[in-house]
Amino acid sequence: MTLPTDPARNLAALIRCASVTPAEGGALSALEEMLKPLGFAVERPVFSESGTPDIENLYARRSGNGPHLMFAGHTDVVPVGDETAWTHPPFGAEITNGEMFGRGAVDMKGGIACFVAAVARHIAQKGGPKGSVSLLITGDEEGPAINGTTKLLEWAAAKGEKWHAAIVGEPTNPDALGDMIKIGRRGSLSGTVTVNGRQGHAAYPQLADNPVRGLVTLVDALLHPVFDDGTRDFQPTNLEVTSIDVGNPATNVIPAKAAATFNIRFNDTWTAETIQAEIHNRLDRAAKRKKYRAGKKTPVDYEIAWRDGPSHVFLTRDDRLIETLGGSVKAVTGRKPVLSTSGGTSDARFIKDYCPVVEFGLVGKTMHMVDERVAIADLETLTQIYLRFVEDWFARDIS
């Protein structure tokens, strides 16, 4: 029996599956074929929710007498965009000049391929870890993230699954393997501010209330002053306006409404609740201070709608997990990785409620881009890091 010890071969099998969210595309089946010869029991639950596509997920466990390590990730990928712009077929897994091309090569089928190869090598060389290893893989990370990791965790926990630590194989390294381990993430919150005005003719502004004037005032209040200067572990809180819309195709009509959508990434100075309160306070003050135009007595009439499911800020403080992974990275690459909380959100935000979690994977320079690709040498290096980590983590006393 041939074990899946070659990460490049594993990755090629996964890339050739067109698993664009929400399609499974054969990727979970390919992964199952790799895991079963290694002694993993594989289950593939499908989760549903009204208004969202059904999502197939995978949970695989190789049981042992000892601690339980989870590897988490996703096989779904973003769309390829203009396929004619690719120099190699996006689902071809072709290799040129030592690089494998394909959607998901680094985000994050490559991480999955390397972890499977690492476990396979551990089994081939030493019979496998003394404890339990599980893979928690979703098909919904790049999509709404409703029928994926969060429900898969609940499902597994309801079956009695408990984990001592988790590693997420997202591409965390900016430039080279060994640059960075993610030990936390900022919170994320989105909302839309709508200003209600009075529609009218642009030539007779005294008969109308232009909501764009009010919206400009409110947006400025959201952007200034800064929310904070950052903390020891996190970057400064930052709000970005991502859309402004009046829905008005006519140039001579003052619109009735104007809306701005924003996203804020907040650090541990705030919670989702306190940052919402701060935004409400800023908008209220600005609405009362500024009118629609000079001579108007009416405050800016606005309403705010918050998007469901804010991501909460978190920081992992498990020294054994962080030190073991950092030591494994340094032993293989010679680099001491930076411990970072930068970047966007990931499914680690769900896993943190069940066990300590860190993130480490490939170099992310080409993720979501045309010609996404990974160096074959990096696949081998990451496999060696994961193998060293598995060996060292199970060798440590975590009681």
Protein backbone atom coordinates (compact mmCIF):
# COMPACT_ATOMS: atom_id res chain seq x y z
CA MET A 1 0.00 0.00 0.00
CA THR A 2 1.37 3.43 -1.01
CA LEU A 3 0.93 6.05 1.67
CA PRO A 4 0.35 9.73 0.75
CA THR A 5 3.81 10.89 1.87
CA ASP A 6 4.43 13.16 -1.15
CA PRO A 7 2.86 16.61 -0.59
CA ALA A 8 3.14 17.59 -4.27
CA ARG A 9 1.24 14.50 -5.35
CA ASN A 10 -1.37 15.13 -2.67
CA LEU A 11 -1.78 18.74 -3.73
CA ALA A 12 -2.10 17.89 -7.41
CA ALA A 13 -4.98 15.55 -6.60
CA LEU A 14 -6.74 18.30 -4.66
CA ILE A 15 -6.13 21.11 -7.16
CA ARG A 16 -7.61 19.00 -9.97
CA CYS A 17 -10.91 19.11 -8.10
CA ALA A 18 -12.82 22.28 -9.07
CA SER A 19 -14.14 22.91 -5.56
CA VAL A 20 -15.22 26.54 -5.98
CA THR A 21 -17.49 27.48 -3.07
CA PRO A 22 -20.04 25.94 -2.51
CA ALA A 23 -19.17 22.96 -4.76
CA GLU A 24 -17.40 19.99 -3.18
CA GLY A 25 -15.92 19.28 -6.60
CA GLY A 26 -14.44 15.94 -5.57
CA ALA A 27 -11.89 17.49 -3.20
CA LEU A 28 -13.27 15.89 -0.04
CA SER A 29 -13.43 12.54 -1.82
CA ALA A 30 -9.79 12.88 -2.84
CA LEU A 31 -8.86 13.74 0.73
CA GLU A 32 -10.83 10.78 2.07
CA GLU A 33 -8.90 8.48 -0.27
CA MET A 34 -5.65 9.76 1.23
CA LEU A 35 -6.77 9.44 4.84
CA LYS A 36 -8.40 6.02 4.97
CA PRO A 37 -5.17 4.07 4.31
CA LEU A 38 -3.66 5.97 7.26
CA GLY A 39 -6.27 4.57 9.64
CA PHE A 40 -8.56 7.60 9.79
CA ALA A 41 -12.27 7.15 10.32
CA VAL A 42 -13.87 9.61 7.92
CA GLU A 43 -17.30 11.24 8.13
CA ARG A 44 -18.74 13.77 5.71
CA PRO A 45 -21.70 15.61 7.25
CA VAL A 46 -23.76 18.01 5.17
CA PHE A 47 -25.18 21.09 6.85
CA SER A 48 -28.03 23.28 5.66
CA GLU A 49 -29.67 26.55 6.48
CA SER A 50 -32.45 28.44 4.78
CA GLY A 51 -31.20 30.92 2.22
CA THR A 52 -27.72 29.37 1.97
CA PRO A 53 -26.34 26.48 -0.10
CA ASP A 54 -25.93 23.05 1.47
CA ILE A 55 -22.30 22.40 2.35
CA GLU A 56 -20.50 19.08 2.58
CA ASN A 57 -17.72 18.91 5.19
CA LEU A 58 -15.22 16.31 6.36
CA TYR A 59 -14.19 15.14 9.81
CA ALA A 60 -11.52 12.45 10.08
CA ARG A 61 -9.98 11.01 13.22
CA ARG A 62 -7.12 8.62 13.86
CA SER A 63 -7.55 7.60 17.49
CA GLY A 64 -4.85 6.85 20.01
CA ASN A 65 -4.23 6.85 23.74
CA GLY A 66 -3.14 10.37 24.53
CA PRO A 67 -3.84 14.02 23.73
CA HIS A 68 -5.90 15.07 20.73
CA LEU A 69 -4.51 17.40 18.04
CA MET A 70 -6.78 18.98 15.41
CA PHE A 71 -5.70 20.20 12.01
CA ALA A 72 -8.31 22.50 10.47
CA GLY A 73 -8.74 23.95 7.04
CA HIS A 74 -10.87 24.15 3.90
CA THR A 75 -10.90 22.63 0.45
CA ASP A 76 -13.19 25.23 -1.10
CA VAL A 77 -11.55 27.91 -3.22
CA VAL A 78 -12.48 31.29 -4.67
CA PRO A 79 -13.48 31.60 -8.35
CA VAL A 80 -10.65 31.67 -10.89
CA GLY A 81 -11.74 34.96 -12.46
CA ASP A 82 -10.73 35.37 -16.10
CA GLU A 83 -9.49 31.90 -16.95
CA THR A 84 -7.85 33.17 -20.14
CA ALA A 85 -5.53 35.32 -18.00
CA TRP A 86 -3.97 32.22 -16.42
CA THR A 87 -0.73 30.97 -17.96
CA HIS A 88 -1.64 27.44 -16.79
CA PRO A 89 -5.09 25.85 -16.36
CA PRO A 90 -6.39 26.85 -12.91
CA PHE A 91 -7.33 23.24 -12.10
CA GLY A 92 -4.48 21.58 -13.96
CA ALA A 93 -1.83 21.40 -11.19
CA GLU A 94 0.86 21.91 -13.83
CA ILE A 95 4.47 22.34 -12.69
CA THR A 96 6.79 24.86 -14.32
CA ASN A 97 10.17 26.04 -13.04
CA GLY A 98 9.68 24.27 -9.73
CA GLU A 99 6.23 25.75 -9.04
CA MET A 100 2.79 24.11 -9.09
CA PHE A 101 0.04 26.29 -10.52
CA GLY A 102 -3.62 26.06 -9.56
CA ARG A 103 -6.45 27.64 -7.63
CA GLY A 104 -6.04 26.70 -3.98
CA ALA A 105 -2.34 25.94 -4.26
CA VAL A 106 -1.60 28.12 -1.23
CA ASP A 107 -5.11 28.93 0.05
CA MET A 108 -5.29 26.34 1.31
CA LYS A 109 -5.13 22.95 -0.36
CA GLY A 110 -1.34 23.13 -0.09
CA GLY A 111 -1.47 23.21 3.71
CA ILE A 112 -3.81 20.22 3.79
CA ALA A 113 -1.61 18.27 1.37
CA CYS A 114 1.45 18.90 3.54
CA PHE A 115 -0.22 17.94 6.81
CA VAL A 116 -1.49 14.68 5.32
CA ALA A 117 2.00 13.95 4.03
CA ALA A 118 3.48 14.73 7.47
CA VAL A 119 1.12 12.34 9.27
CA ALA A 120 1.73 9.67 6.62
CA ARG A 121 5.50 9.97 7.14
CA HIS A 122 5.08 9.78 10.91
CA ILE A 123 3.08 6.57 10.51
CA ALA A 124 5.58 5.11 8.05
CA GLN A 125 8.58 5.99 10.21
CA LYS A 126 7.31 5.61 13.76
CA GLY A 127 3.91 3.97 13.61
CA GLY A 128 1.99 7.19 14.19
CA PRO A 129 1.43 9.54 17.14
CA LYS A 130 0.60 8.07 20.53
CA GLY A 131 -2.47 10.29 20.79
CA SER A 132 -5.29 11.22 18.42
CA VAL A 133 -5.11 13.33 15.28
CA SER A 134 -8.16 14.75 13.54
CA LEU A 135 -8.75 16.78 10.42
CA LEU A 136 -11.66 19.20 10.47
CA ILE A 137 -12.12 20.34 6.88
CA THR A 138 -14.92 22.53 5.55
CA GLY A 139 -16.18 23.46 2.11
CA ASP A 140 -17.53 26.83 3.23
CA GLU A 141 -14.60 28.97 4.39
CA GLU A 142 -14.48 31.15 1.28
CA GLY A 143 -18.27 31.49 1.26
CA PRO A 144 -20.81 32.57 3.88
CA ALA A 145 -19.10 30.40 6.55
CA ILE A 146 -22.51 29.37 7.87
CA ASN A 147 -22.69 25.66 7.05
CA GLY A 148 -19.02 24.98 7.56
CA THR A 149 -16.59 25.03 10.46
CA THR A 150 -18.90 26.48 13.09
CA LYS A 151 -21.52 23.76 12.55
CA LEU A 152 -18.88 21.08 12.06
CA LEU A 153 -17.40 21.94 15.45
CA GLU A 154 -20.81 21.82 17.11
CA TRP A 155 -21.56 18.50 15.42
CA ALA A 156 -18.26 16.95 16.49
CA ALA A 157 -18.50 18.28 20.06
CA ALA A 158 -22.02 16.86 20.36
CA LYS A 159 -20.54 13.47 19.48
CA GLY A 160 -18.12 13.82 22.39
CA GLU A 161 -15.06 15.09 20.53
CA LYS A 162 -12.61 17.16 22.60
CA TRP A 163 -9.35 18.66 21.46
CA HIS A 164 -6.26 19.80 23.33
CA ALA A 165 -4.94 22.07 20.56
CA ALA A 166 -5.49 22.99 16.93
CA ILE A 167 -3.44 24.26 14.03
CA VAL A 168 -5.06 25.90 11.02
CA GLY A 169 -3.12 25.55 7.79
CA GLU A 170 -3.86 28.97 6.30
CA PRO A 171 -1.03 30.69 4.38
CA THR A 172 0.42 32.83 7.17
CA ASN A 173 3.89 33.64 5.83
CA PRO A 174 4.35 36.97 4.00
CA ASP A 175 7.59 36.24 2.15
CA ALA A 176 9.22 32.96 3.19
CA LEU A 177 8.35 29.87 5.19
CA GLY A 178 9.18 30.55 8.82
CA ASP A 179 8.26 34.25 8.75
CA MET A 180 5.07 34.22 10.81
CA ILE A 181 2.75 32.27 13.08
CA LYS A 182 -0.70 33.73 13.68
CA ILE A 183 -1.63 33.51 17.36
CA GLY A 184 -4.81 35.57 17.24
CA ARG A 185 -6.98 37.75 15.08
CA ARG A 186 -8.63 41.14 15.31
CA GLY A 187 -12.39 41.28 15.52
CA SER A 188 -14.45 42.20 12.49
CA LEU A 189 -17.78 43.98 12.29
CA SER A 190 -19.75 45.38 9.35
CA GLY A 191 -22.71 47.72 9.08
CA THR A 192 -24.59 50.08 6.80
CA VAL A 193 -25.53 53.66 7.65
CA THR A 194 -28.51 55.02 5.73
CA VAL A 195 -29.39 58.72 5.75
CA ASN A 196 -33.00 59.61 5.00
CA GLY A 197 -33.54 62.82 3.07
CA ARG A 198 -36.25 64.41 0.97
CA GLN A 199 -36.22 63.90 -2.76
CA GLY A 200 -36.47 66.96 -4.94
CA HIS A 201 -35.29 68.88 -8.00
CA ALA A 202 -31.62 69.81 -8.00
CA ALA A 203 -32.58 73.34 -9.12
CA TYR A 204 -34.78 73.84 -6.05
CA PRO A 205 -32.68 72.57 -3.13
CA GLN A 206 -34.65 74.59 -0.58
CA LEU A 207 -37.55 72.21 -1.15
CA ALA A 208 -35.48 69.08 -0.51
CA ASP A 209 -33.07 67.59 2.00
CA ASN A 210 -30.02 66.11 0.31
CA PRO A 211 -29.04 62.95 2.23
CA VAL A 212 -25.59 62.91 0.61
CA ARG A 213 -24.66 66.00 2.64
CA GLY A 214 -25.65 64.25 5.83
CA LEU A 215 -23.92 61.04 4.85
CA VAL A 216 -20.63 62.82 4.20
CA THR A 217 -20.82 64.26 7.72
CA LEU A 218 -21.51 60.86 9.28
CA VAL A 219 -18.79 59.08 7.31
CA ASP A 220 -16.26 61.69 8.41
CA ALA A 221 -17.27 61.04 12.02
CA LEU A 222 -16.62 57.33 11.53
CA LEU A 223 -13.15 57.93 10.12
CA HIS A 224 -11.92 60.62 12.53
CA PRO A 225 -10.48 60.59 15.10
CA VAL A 226 -8.64 57.27 15.22
CA PHE A 227 -10.21 54.68 17.51
CA ASP A 228 -6.96 53.76 19.30
CA ASP A 229 -3.21 53.47 18.79
CA GLY A 230 -3.06 49.69 18.94
CA THR A 231 -2.03 47.44 21.83
CA ARG A 232 0.91 45.24 22.67
CA ASP A 233 -0.51 42.34 20.67
CA PHE A 234 -2.67 44.03 18.04
CA GLN A 235 -2.58 46.67 15.32
CA PRO A 236 -4.67 49.85 15.72
CA THR A 237 -8.39 49.50 15.17
CA ASN A 238 -9.27 50.52 11.61
CA LEU A 239 -12.55 51.35 9.89
CA GLU A 240 -12.91 51.35 6.11
CA VAL A 241 -15.90 52.57 4.13
CA THR A 242 -16.40 49.90 1.47
CA SER A 243 -19.40 51.25 -0.44
CA ILE A 244 -21.38 54.47 -0.88
CA ASP A 245 -24.61 54.33 -2.83
CA VAL A 246 -27.60 56.57 -3.56
CA GLY A 247 -29.27 54.42 -6.21
CA ASN A 248 -29.91 57.50 -8.32
CA PRO A 249 -29.34 57.44 -12.10
CA ALA A 250 -30.64 60.99 -12.64
CA THR A 251 -28.27 63.96 -12.49
CA ASN A 252 -30.99 66.55 -11.76
CA VAL A 253 -32.71 64.75 -8.88
CA ILE A 254 -31.75 65.04 -5.23
CA PRO A 255 -32.06 61.47 -3.92
CA ALA A 256 -34.27 60.39 -1.05
CA LYS A 257 -31.66 58.15 0.61
CA ALA A 258 -27.93 57.66 0.72
CA ALA A 259 -26.12 54.72 2.30
CA ALA A 260 -22.56 53.85 3.26
CA THR A 261 -21.35 50.35 4.16
CA PHE A 262 -18.30 49.94 6.35
CA ASN A 263 -16.13 47.28 7.94
CA ILE A 264 -14.13 47.76 11.12
CA ARG A 265 -11.27 45.55 12.33
CA PHE A 266 -10.90 46.08 16.07
CA ASN A 267 -8.29 45.07 18.60
CA ASP A 268 -8.55 43.97 22.23
CA THR A 269 -9.25 47.53 23.37
CA TRP A 270 -12.81 46.76 22.31
CA THR A 271 -15.46 44.10 22.22
CA ALA A 272 -18.06 43.84 19.48
CA GLU A 273 -20.53 45.48 21.85
CA THR A 274 -18.32 48.39 22.91
CA ILE A 275 -17.17 49.19 19.38
CA GLN A 276 -20.82 49.25 18.26
CA ALA A 277 -21.61 51.65 21.11
CA GLU A 278 -18.70 53.90 20.10
CA ILE A 279 -19.91 54.02 16.50
CA HIS A 280 -23.46 54.84 17.62
CA ASN A 281 -22.12 57.66 19.80
CA ARG A 282 -20.06 59.11 16.95
CA LEU A 283 -23.01 59.05 14.59
CA ASP A 284 -25.39 60.58 17.12
CA ARG A 285 -23.02 63.44 17.91
CA ALA A 286 -22.38 64.16 14.23
CA ALA A 287 -26.07 63.96 13.30
CA LYS A 288 -26.98 66.57 15.93
CA ARG A 289 -24.02 68.82 15.22
CA LYS A 290 -24.42 69.08 11.46
CA LYS A 291 -27.60 69.73 9.50
CA TYR A 292 -28.48 68.91 5.91
CA ARG A 293 -27.52 72.46 4.90
CA ALA A 294 -27.12 75.91 6.42
CA GLY A 295 -30.40 77.28 7.71
CA LYS A 296 -31.93 73.85 8.29
CA LYS A 297 -32.85 73.05 11.88
CA THR A 298 -33.50 69.33 11.41
CA PRO A 299 -30.68 66.99 12.51
CA VAL A 300 -29.46 64.39 10.07
CA ASP A 301 -31.97 61.54 10.06
CA TYR A 302 -30.10 58.26 9.91
CA GLU A 303 -30.43 54.57 10.75
CA ILE A 304 -27.82 51.85 11.06
CA ALA A 305 -28.11 48.15 10.26
CA TRP A 306 -25.47 45.74 11.59
CA ARG A 307 -24.47 42.61 9.70
CA ASP A 308 -25.05 39.37 11.57
CA GLY A 309 -22.22 37.34 13.05
CA PRO A 310 -19.43 39.69 14.12
CA SER A 311 -16.02 38.08 14.52
CA HIS A 312 -14.64 38.52 18.02
CA VAL A 313 -11.05 39.42 18.78
CA PHE A 314 -8.98 36.65 20.35
CA LEU A 315 -5.43 35.85 21.40
CA THR A 316 -4.03 32.37 22.02
CA ARG A 317 -1.89 32.17 25.15
CA ASP A 318 -1.05 28.44 25.12
CA ASP A 319 2.74 28.45 25.55
CA ARG A 320 3.15 24.75 24.82
CA LEU A 321 1.39 25.03 21.48
CA ILE A 322 3.10 28.25 20.41
CA GLU A 323 6.57 27.28 21.62
CA THR A 324 6.38 23.82 20.08
CA LEU A 325 5.33 25.15 16.68
CA GLY A 326 7.87 27.98 16.84
CA GLY A 327 10.60 25.52 17.75
CA SER A 328 9.62 23.22 14.89
CA VAL A 329 9.72 26.10 12.42
CA LYS A 330 13.16 27.21 13.62
CA ALA A 331 14.53 23.66 13.62
CA VAL A 332 13.57 23.17 9.97
CA THR A 333 14.06 26.65 8.49
CA GLY A 334 16.51 28.32 10.85
CA ARG A 335 14.08 31.24 11.23
CA LYS A 336 12.42 32.41 14.41
CA PRO A 337 8.85 33.21 13.33
CA VAL A 338 7.14 36.44 14.33
CA LEU A 339 4.03 35.90 16.46
CA SER A 340 1.35 37.98 14.78
CA THR A 341 -2.34 38.88 14.94
CA SER A 342 -2.37 40.74 11.62
CA GLY A 343 -4.54 40.10 8.60
CA GLY A 344 -8.17 39.21 8.19
CA THR A 345 -10.36 36.64 9.86
CA SER A 346 -10.15 32.86 9.53
CA ASP A 347 -11.99 29.85 10.88
CA ALA A 348 -9.69 30.01 13.90
CA ARG A 349 -12.27 32.46 15.26
CA PHE A 350 -14.64 29.52 15.71
CA ILE A 351 -12.08 26.98 16.90
CA LYS A 352 -10.86 29.23 19.72
CA ASP A 353 -14.06 28.41 21.65
CA TYR A 354 -13.10 24.72 21.78
CA CYS A 355 -9.32 24.65 22.26
CA PRO A 356 -6.17 26.76 21.85
CA VAL A 357 -5.50 27.45 18.18
CA VAL A 358 -2.68 28.85 16.04
CA GLU A 359 -2.26 29.24 12.30
CA PHE A 360 0.71 28.33 10.13
CA GLY A 361 0.92 27.44 6.47
CA LEU A 362 2.49 28.40 3.17
CA VAL A 363 3.60 31.76 1.76
CA GLY A 364 0.48 33.69 0.81
CA LYS A 365 1.76 36.02 -1.91
CA THR A 366 -0.35 34.54 -4.71
CA MET A 367 -3.52 33.55 -2.86
CA HIS A 368 -6.75 34.54 -4.69
CA MET A 369 -4.66 35.79 -7.63
CA VAL A 370 -4.46 34.73 -11.24
CA ASP A 371 -1.70 32.10 -11.51
CA GLU A 372 -1.89 31.15 -7.84
CA ARG A 373 1.09 28.87 -7.30
CA VAL A 374 3.43 27.30 -4.77
CA ALA A 375 7.07 26.27 -4.89
CA ILE A 376 7.51 22.51 -4.74
CA ALA A 377 10.39 23.13 -2.34
CA ASP A 378 8.03 24.95 0.01
CA LEU A 379 5.67 21.99 0.04
CA GLU A 380 8.51 19.77 1.22
CA THR A 381 9.66 22.29 3.82
CA LEU A 382 6.16 22.75 5.25
CA THR A 383 5.72 18.98 5.41
CA GLN A 384 8.94 18.72 7.42
CA ILE A 385 7.74 21.48 9.77
CA TYR A 386 4.39 19.77 10.33
CA LEU A 387 6.12 16.43 10.89
CA ARG A 388 8.50 17.93 13.44
CA PHE A 389 5.59 19.70 15.13
CA VAL A 390 3.50 16.51 15.40
CA GLU A 391 6.46 14.63 16.85
CA ASP A 392 7.35 17.36 19.35
CA TRP A 393 3.80 18.24 20.38
CA PHE A 394 2.87 14.67 21.23
CA ALA A 395 6.19 14.23 23.04
CA ARG A 396 5.42 17.08 25.47
CA ASP A 397 3.44 16.71 28.66
CA ILE A 398 0.21 18.64 28.22
CA SER A 399 -1.55 17.34 31.32
